Each structure stands twice: as C-alpha cells, then as structure tokens.
Amino acid sequence: ECKILEFQPCYNEPELQPLIFGLFLSMYLITVFGNLLIILAVSSDAHLHTPMYFFLSNLSFVDICFTSTTIPKMLWNIQTQSQVITYEGCIAQIYFFLLSALLDIFLLTVMAYDRFVAICHPLHYMVIMNPRLCFLLVLVSWTISVLNSLLQSLILLQLPFCTIVEIPDFFCDLSQITQLACSDTFLNNMVMYLTVVLLGGGPLAGIVYSYSKIVSCICRISSAQGKYKAFSTCASHLSVVSLFFCTSLGVYLSSAAAHSSHSTSVMYTVVTPMLNPFIYSLRNKDIKRALKRVIHMAVIKREIVLALEQKLLFFD
C-alpha cells in the first residue's frame, strides 16, 4: 500500500532554491491579491452588479482556489527541502485541482454565452440573463465539477501503488498518478478520456459556437465604431479563454518531456490565474473605476485610523 509519494523537483541546483521560492511566492501573492481586488471591486460597486461581473467574480474566486491547490505545497517543499507528499494529501490535491480546473472551464463557457446574449440579443439581455438563471448556471457548474472530481478520486483510490512513488511534476496530476499505478488502469483511462471529451470538448464547442454567432453579429454592424465597441466587450474574455485552453493543451502535448512539462504546468497553474485580473482590468473602464474607488476608500480608512490613534496618544 502506498504511503509516501515524492515530487520530481523542477530545479536541480540548490543555489537556485531561494530565487525560485521568491519567484513563485511573488506570483502566488500577485494572483491572490489581484483576484481579491476584482472580487472586492465587483461586490462594492453597485454599477458592477450585472451578470458579466457576477461570473467574473466567481472566476476570480476559482482562480484563487486553483492556484492555492498546488503552489503553497510547492513553496513548503522548497522551504523544507523535502519533496514528499502523503498519499492522502495527493488524493486531496487531485480532487481540488480537478474541481477548480473544471469550474474554470464551465465559468468561461457561461461567460461566453453571456457575451453572446449581450451582443446578439441586447434588447432582451436583462430578461434572458436574469439573476435566477445566473445563479442556476453557477450552481450547475459547481455540482458537475464536484461530482466529476469525486468520481475521479474514488476510482483512483481503487488502484494499488508501490511503497514509494516518484511523481514527474511539482504537483499531483491525475493522468501522471494513474500511469504510476501497479495494476491495469484501463478503466481509469477510459473514464478520464471520456470526461475530457464530454466535460472539456463540450464547453469548448459551446465557446466556439457562441463566438461564431458573435462574429456573425459583429460583421452585420454597419459602423466601424459599433464593431469596435461590440468586439471590445468580449476581447478580454476571448484572451483569457485562448490563454487557458492553449496552456491546458500544452500540458498534455508536452507530458512526455519532463522539462517542457514543468514549464507548461507552471503556465497552466500559476501564470494564467495571475494574468486574468490584469487582462480583465486593463481594457475595462468599469473595473478600473471600481478598483480606484476600493483603493481610495482603503486609503481614507487608513488615514482615519491613524488620526484616531494620534488623538488617543495625545489624550494619554
């Protein structure tokens, strides 16, 4: 029965450990802070209480969870100079990783549908994308993601492993862990591939269909300014979708090459969630305005607290 698993480090030189630790810690903090700012901006600004920003705040929350599934453990391993993770810890990491990754896919698909309705049916947008439907879409996304992660984890638990297993990555990936089993993995592979086709290919097809309709609607707009305005409303989402699916595809295409696998895994698990807040905020005036308001309110509160502390010290 397997008790201990060891990660294959993405660094071989001990002198590079502080640099790698600082780099990944900085990227993780930027990811968490950036996505938290998006959530705070959306929740604090009444003008952003719309379906698009509701889905965006959910995506930001999932991105925080996605990165937090792998990076803190990696940082701990670097700091303690130990690459060990328990069998139970590995299963838990796989469960939450699959949950967050699938939620990302579903939310990006829902956001593509939201943009399709906004551009192709602008007069009926608020009627179609009502609060009940928005909540239902997020709830269904969570339900399917939880059930899929639970199914994959339970099937993986049935496989026997050796006493010590070396994982060729810095986190527990379902496909790699399955390949390391000491028995026949035909059923696991079939379930895994079927899941990828249905839960990966289905949403991707939905995104492609939504954008084909969006492009068709934009082409029918007569003015160049109207075309630019319509395209700008979905440019950020299209950038995030392209980045997410390209890096996801890169992980599996490069799984045979160790060094390439490490670099694409870093892109997939760290860089993409870190860039999402910047992509959505750089071209979005509403988000910029809300972020400025959040920062301004934080500065004012800090000044008030400092003034009160000075008064208390004066009276003392």
Protein backbone atom coordinates (compact mmCIF):
# COMPACT_ATOMS: atom_id res chain seq x y z
CA GLU A 1 0.00 0.00 0.00
CA CYS A 2 1.33 3.40 -0.97
CA LYS A 3 2.16 5.73 1.91
CA ILE A 4 4.60 8.30 0.51
CA LEU A 5 4.96 10.00 -2.84
CA GLU A 6 7.85 12.20 -3.94
CA PHE A 7 7.73 15.08 -6.40
CA GLN A 8 10.38 15.42 -9.08
CA PRO A 9 11.79 18.90 -8.40
CA CYS A 10 11.65 21.48 -11.19
CA TYR A 11 15.07 22.72 -10.02
CA ASN A 12 18.32 20.79 -9.58
CA GLU A 13 20.73 23.46 -8.33
CA PRO A 14 20.44 24.20 -4.58
CA GLU A 15 21.65 27.77 -5.10
CA LEU A 16 18.55 28.46 -7.23
CA GLN A 17 16.12 27.47 -4.47
CA PRO A 18 15.84 30.96 -2.89
CA LEU A 19 15.31 32.53 -6.32
CA ILE A 20 12.63 30.00 -7.30
CA PHE A 21 10.95 30.32 -3.89
CA GLY A 22 10.84 34.11 -4.17
CA LEU A 23 9.58 33.97 -7.76
CA PHE A 24 6.72 31.58 -7.04
CA LEU A 25 5.81 33.32 -3.78
CA SER A 26 5.61 36.65 -5.62
CA MET A 27 3.49 35.15 -8.40
CA TYR A 28 1.18 33.49 -5.88
CA LEU A 29 0.70 36.70 -3.87
CA ILE A 30 0.03 38.68 -7.06
CA THR A 31 -2.54 36.08 -8.12
CA VAL A 32 -4.37 36.12 -4.78
CA PHE A 33 -4.19 39.91 -4.37
CA GLY A 34 -5.22 40.64 -7.97
CA ASN A 35 -8.22 38.31 -7.92
CA LEU A 36 -9.28 39.52 -4.47
CA LEU A 37 -9.25 43.09 -5.81
CA ILE A 38 -11.57 42.03 -8.63
CA ILE A 39 -13.96 40.41 -6.13
CA LEU A 40 -13.88 43.48 -3.86
CA ALA A 41 -14.40 45.85 -6.79
CA VAL A 42 -17.42 43.92 -8.08
CA SER A 43 -19.02 43.47 -4.66
CA SER A 44 -18.52 47.11 -3.59
CA ASP A 45 -19.72 48.85 -6.77
CA ALA A 46 -23.47 48.72 -7.46
CA HIS A 47 -22.83 49.50 -11.14
CA LEU A 48 -20.99 46.17 -11.45
CA HIS A 49 -23.86 44.07 -10.08
CA THR A 50 -24.54 42.63 -13.53
CA PRO A 51 -24.37 39.05 -14.90
CA MET A 52 -20.97 39.58 -16.57
CA TYR A 53 -19.29 40.81 -13.39
CA PHE A 54 -21.09 38.22 -11.27
CA PHE A 55 -19.46 35.50 -13.37
CA LEU A 56 -16.13 37.36 -13.32
CA SER A 57 -16.08 37.50 -9.51
CA ASN A 58 -16.82 33.76 -9.40
CA LEU A 59 -13.99 33.14 -11.86
CA SER A 60 -11.61 35.19 -9.69
CA PHE A 61 -12.56 33.14 -6.62
CA VAL A 62 -11.99 29.87 -8.51
CA ASP A 63 -8.61 31.13 -9.79
CA ILE A 64 -7.52 31.77 -6.19
CA CYS A 65 -8.56 28.23 -5.25
CA PHE A 66 -6.91 26.81 -8.39
CA THR A 67 -3.52 28.32 -7.58
CA SER A 68 -3.82 27.62 -3.85
CA THR A 69 -4.23 23.91 -4.57
CA THR A 70 -0.64 23.50 -5.79
CA ILE A 71 1.62 26.49 -5.11
CA PRO A 72 1.56 26.62 -1.25
CA LYS A 73 2.59 22.95 -1.11
CA MET A 74 5.36 23.58 -3.62
CA LEU A 75 6.63 26.56 -1.59
CA TRP A 76 6.56 24.44 1.57
CA ASN A 77 8.58 21.71 -0.16
CA ILE A 78 11.20 24.22 -1.32
CA GLN A 79 11.43 25.82 2.12
CA THR A 80 11.76 22.48 3.96
CA GLN A 81 13.90 20.92 1.19
CA SER A 82 11.52 17.96 1.12
CA GLN A 83 9.63 16.72 -1.94
CA VAL A 84 7.36 14.36 -0.01
CA ILE A 85 3.56 14.36 -0.03
CA THR A 86 1.37 11.76 1.65
CA TYR A 87 -0.96 9.55 -0.35
CA GLU A 88 -3.99 11.19 1.27
CA GLY A 89 -2.57 14.65 0.54
CA CYS A 90 -2.03 13.72 -3.09
CA ILE A 91 -5.62 12.48 -3.49
CA ALA A 92 -6.91 15.69 -1.86
CA GLN A 93 -4.75 17.79 -4.18
CA ILE A 94 -6.06 15.94 -7.24
CA TYR A 95 -9.66 16.40 -6.06
CA PHE A 96 -9.41 20.16 -5.56
CA PHE A 97 -7.26 20.63 -8.67
CA LEU A 98 -9.85 18.88 -10.86
CA LEU A 99 -12.65 20.79 -9.15
CA SER A 100 -11.03 24.18 -9.76
CA ALA A 101 -9.92 23.38 -13.33
CA LEU A 102 -13.37 22.18 -14.40
CA LEU A 103 -15.05 25.14 -12.72
CA ASP A 104 -12.74 27.43 -14.69
CA ILE A 105 -13.85 25.76 -17.93
CA PHE A 106 -17.55 25.95 -17.09
CA LEU A 107 -17.40 29.57 -15.95
CA LEU A 108 -15.53 30.59 -19.11
CA THR A 109 -18.25 28.82 -21.13
CA VAL A 110 -21.03 30.58 -19.21
CA MET A 111 -19.26 33.91 -19.73
CA ALA A 112 -19.07 33.20 -23.48
CA TYR A 113 -22.83 32.60 -23.51
CA ASP A 114 -23.31 35.83 -21.55
CA ARG A 115 -21.34 37.77 -24.17
CA PHE A 116 -23.33 36.06 -26.94
CA VAL A 117 -26.63 37.22 -25.41
CA ALA A 118 -25.27 40.74 -24.76
CA ILE A 119 -24.11 41.26 -28.36
CA CYS A 120 -26.66 39.24 -30.35
CA HIS A 121 -29.74 39.95 -28.19
CA PRO A 122 -29.00 43.27 -26.46
CA LEU A 123 -32.66 44.30 -26.03
CA HIS A 124 -33.51 41.07 -24.19
CA TYR A 125 -30.22 40.75 -22.29
CA MET A 126 -31.52 41.51 -18.78
CA VAL A 127 -34.60 39.37 -19.36
CA ILE A 128 -32.60 36.33 -20.52
CA MET A 129 -29.68 36.72 -18.10
CA ASN A 130 -31.86 37.20 -15.04
CA PRO A 131 -30.47 36.61 -11.51
CA ARG A 132 -32.20 33.24 -11.24
CA LEU A 133 -30.58 31.91 -14.43
CA CYS A 134 -27.16 33.29 -13.44
CA PHE A 135 -27.32 31.60 -10.05
CA LEU A 136 -28.55 28.37 -11.65
CA LEU A 137 -25.69 28.33 -14.18
CA VAL A 138 -23.10 28.74 -11.42
CA LEU A 139 -24.83 26.12 -9.25
CA VAL A 140 -24.89 23.57 -12.09
CA SER A 141 -21.20 24.28 -12.79
CA TRP A 142 -20.32 23.62 -9.14
CA THR A 143 -22.46 20.47 -8.99
CA ILE A 144 -20.97 18.85 -12.10
CA SER A 145 -17.43 19.80 -11.06
CA VAL A 146 -17.85 18.35 -7.55
CA LEU A 147 -19.35 15.10 -8.86
CA ASN A 148 -16.65 14.68 -11.51
CA SER A 149 -13.81 15.31 -9.04
CA LEU A 150 -15.38 12.89 -6.57
CA LEU A 151 -15.77 10.20 -9.25
CA GLN A 152 -12.18 10.55 -10.48
CA SER A 153 -10.79 10.49 -6.93
CA LEU A 154 -12.82 7.42 -5.91
CA ILE A 155 -11.72 5.48 -8.99
CA LEU A 156 -8.10 6.45 -8.35
CA LEU A 157 -8.38 5.18 -4.76
CA GLN A 158 -9.03 1.67 -6.11
CA LEU A 159 -5.59 1.47 -7.73
CA PRO A 160 -2.65 -0.14 -5.89
CA PHE A 161 0.70 1.69 -5.80
CA CYS A 162 4.23 0.85 -4.75
CA THR A 163 5.57 1.92 -1.34
CA ILE A 164 7.39 4.99 -2.69
CA VAL A 165 6.37 6.66 -5.95
CA GLU A 166 8.19 9.49 -7.74
CA ILE A 167 5.82 11.99 -9.38
CA PRO A 168 7.30 13.62 -12.53
CA ASP A 169 5.95 17.09 -11.68
CA PHE A 170 5.65 19.57 -8.79
CA PHE A 171 2.02 18.64 -8.05
CA CYS A 172 -0.23 15.57 -8.23
CA ASP A 173 -1.69 15.32 -11.72
CA LEU A 174 -4.41 12.71 -12.30
CA SER A 175 -3.04 11.33 -15.58
CA GLN A 176 0.53 11.04 -14.25
CA ILE A 177 -0.53 9.41 -10.98
CA THR A 178 -2.69 6.91 -12.88
CA GLN A 179 0.30 5.88 -15.03
CA LEU A 180 2.32 5.14 -11.88
CA ALA A 181 -0.16 2.51 -10.61
CA CYS A 182 0.94 -1.12 -10.27
CA SER A 183 -2.18 -2.62 -11.89
CA ASP A 184 -4.30 -2.33 -15.01
CA THR A 185 -5.53 1.24 -15.49
CA PHE A 186 -7.82 0.66 -18.48
CA LEU A 187 -11.00 1.67 -16.62
CA ASN A 188 -9.35 4.77 -15.15
CA ASN A 189 -8.04 5.86 -18.54
CA MET A 190 -11.41 5.29 -20.21
CA VAL A 191 -13.22 7.36 -17.57
CA MET A 192 -10.54 10.06 -17.79
CA TYR A 193 -10.67 10.30 -21.60
CA LEU A 194 -14.46 10.23 -21.63
CA THR A 195 -14.50 13.04 -19.09
CA VAL A 196 -12.07 15.11 -21.16
CA VAL A 197 -14.21 14.66 -24.29
CA LEU A 198 -17.54 15.43 -22.59
CA LEU A 199 -16.60 17.99 -19.94
CA GLY A 200 -13.73 19.54 -21.90
CA GLY A 201 -14.85 19.24 -25.50
CA GLY A 202 -18.49 20.13 -24.75
CA PRO A 203 -17.75 23.53 -23.15
CA LEU A 204 -15.12 24.26 -25.81
CA ALA A 205 -17.70 23.58 -28.52
CA GLY A 206 -20.11 25.89 -26.69
CA ILE A 207 -17.50 28.66 -26.59
CA VAL A 208 -16.69 28.23 -30.30
CA TYR A 209 -20.40 28.30 -31.18
CA SER A 210 -21.01 31.42 -29.07
CA TYR A 211 -18.13 33.28 -30.68
CA SER A 212 -19.13 32.20 -34.18
CA LYS A 213 -22.51 33.83 -33.55
CA ILE A 214 -20.82 36.88 -32.01
CA VAL A 215 -18.55 37.32 -35.05
CA SER A 216 -21.55 36.93 -37.34
CA CYS A 217 -23.46 39.63 -35.44
CA ILE A 218 -20.47 41.99 -35.38
CA CYS A 219 -19.99 41.63 -39.15
CA ARG A 220 -23.57 42.79 -39.67
CA ILE A 221 -22.91 46.05 -37.79
CA SER A 222 -22.54 48.86 -40.33
CA SER A 223 -20.34 51.37 -38.48
CA ALA A 224 -16.70 50.73 -37.63
CA GLN A 225 -17.19 52.29 -34.20
CA GLY A 226 -20.07 49.94 -33.49
CA LYS A 227 -17.98 46.93 -34.49
CA TYR A 228 -15.11 48.07 -32.27
CA LYS A 229 -17.41 48.64 -29.29
CA ALA A 230 -19.05 45.22 -29.71
CA PHE A 231 -15.73 43.43 -30.07
CA SER A 232 -14.18 45.24 -27.10
CA THR A 233 -16.87 43.84 -24.78
CA CYS A 234 -15.63 40.29 -25.37
CA ALA A 235 -11.93 40.85 -26.16
CA SER A 236 -10.79 40.28 -22.57
CA HIS A 237 -12.80 37.08 -22.22
CA LEU A 238 -11.51 35.79 -25.55
CA SER A 239 -7.92 36.45 -24.41
CA VAL A 240 -8.46 34.52 -21.16
CA VAL A 241 -10.13 31.62 -23.00
CA SER A 242 -7.26 31.40 -25.51
CA LEU A 243 -4.64 31.52 -22.75
CA PHE A 244 -6.41 28.89 -20.64
CA PHE A 245 -7.07 26.33 -23.38
CA CYS A 246 -3.69 26.81 -25.10
CA THR A 247 -1.78 26.21 -21.86
CA SER A 248 -4.07 23.28 -20.97
CA LEU A 249 -3.37 21.72 -24.36
CA GLY A 250 0.34 22.37 -23.91
CA VAL A 251 0.40 20.44 -20.62
CA TYR A 252 -0.79 17.24 -22.29
CA LEU A 253 1.17 17.64 -25.52
CA SER A 254 4.41 18.11 -23.56
CA SER A 255 3.77 15.46 -20.91
CA ALA A 256 6.39 13.20 -22.47
CA ALA A 257 9.17 15.77 -22.00
CA ALA A 258 9.99 16.46 -18.34
CA HIS A 259 11.40 19.96 -18.63
CA SER A 260 8.74 21.08 -21.08
CA SER A 261 6.06 19.57 -18.85
CA HIS A 262 7.31 21.62 -15.89
CA SER A 263 7.23 24.87 -17.85
CA THR A 264 3.76 24.30 -19.28
CA SER A 265 2.47 23.20 -15.86
CA VAL A 266 3.73 26.48 -14.41
CA MET A 267 1.93 28.38 -17.18
CA TYR A 268 -1.25 26.40 -16.58
CA THR A 269 -1.38 26.57 -12.78
CA VAL A 270 0.31 29.90 -11.98
CA VAL A 271 0.70 32.29 -14.89
CA THR A 272 -2.84 32.03 -16.30
CA PRO A 273 -4.67 32.77 -13.00
CA MET A 274 -2.16 35.56 -12.30
CA LEU A 275 -2.75 37.26 -15.67
CA ASN A 276 -6.56 37.05 -15.61
CA PRO A 277 -7.11 40.11 -13.34
CA PHE A 278 -4.75 42.20 -15.48
CA ILE A 279 -6.43 41.12 -18.72
CA TYR A 280 -9.89 41.99 -17.41
CA SER A 281 -8.89 45.26 -15.75
CA LEU A 282 -6.53 46.83 -18.31
CA ARG A 283 -9.20 47.29 -21.01
CA ASN A 284 -12.22 47.65 -18.72
CA LYS A 285 -13.06 51.18 -17.59
CA ASP A 286 -15.73 49.97 -15.15
CA ILE A 287 -13.28 47.69 -13.34
CA LYS A 288 -10.63 50.44 -13.31
CA ARG A 289 -13.10 52.88 -11.78
CA ALA A 290 -14.24 50.37 -9.17
CA LEU A 291 -10.64 49.46 -8.27
CA LYS A 292 -9.73 53.13 -7.85
CA ARG A 293 -12.73 53.54 -5.55
CA VAL A 294 -11.72 50.50 -3.46
CA ILE A 295 -8.13 51.73 -3.13
CA HIS A 296 -9.33 55.28 -2.35
CA MET A 297 -11.66 54.01 0.39
CA ALA A 298 -8.84 51.89 1.86
CA VAL A 299 -6.56 54.95 1.97
CA ILE A 300 -9.26 57.06 3.63
CA LYS A 301 -9.95 54.38 6.24
CA ARG A 302 -6.25 54.11 6.99
CA GLU A 303 -5.97 57.89 7.40
CA ILE A 304 -8.96 57.89 9.77
CA VAL A 305 -7.46 55.09 11.86
CA LEU A 306 -4.10 56.87 12.05
CA ALA A 307 -5.83 60.14 13.06
CA LEU A 308 -7.78 58.37 15.81
CA GLU A 309 -4.62 56.68 17.08
CA GLN A 310 -2.82 60.04 17.22
CA LYS A 311 -5.71 61.59 19.17
CA LEU A 312 -5.71 58.71 21.64
CA LEU A 313 -1.96 59.08 22.12
CA PHE A 314 -2.41 62.84 22.63
CA PHE A 315 -5.02 62.34 25.36
CA ASP A 316 -2.89 59.66 27.04
